Amino acid sequence: MRSLSPAPDDARATLRGGLPDRYLTPDDIAEIFEVPKETLYQWRRKRIGPPSFRIGKHVRYDPADVLAYVTERKSADLDAA
């Protein structure tokens, strides 16, 4: 069975190529959205970014939740236009 995730350093290709078989880190999400990591932490505090959760002291993102968030944002932008 082939892995759905490409090289770990290419987070965008990971999401475009299918759901990865691992949870995403803040570094992954910052790269995907091209925003500073601090922006992600502000979104998390304000509860306005992609859903995240903690594993111990580490923040993680479920790829399915990130894809749903992006889809929701895209449709909201289309509705507003």
Foldseek 3Di string as FASTA:
>chain_A
DDFQADPPVCLLCSLVSHFGPDWAFLVSVCVNVVHDSVVVVVCQVVVNAQDWDDDVPGITHGSVSNVVRVVVVVVVVVVVD
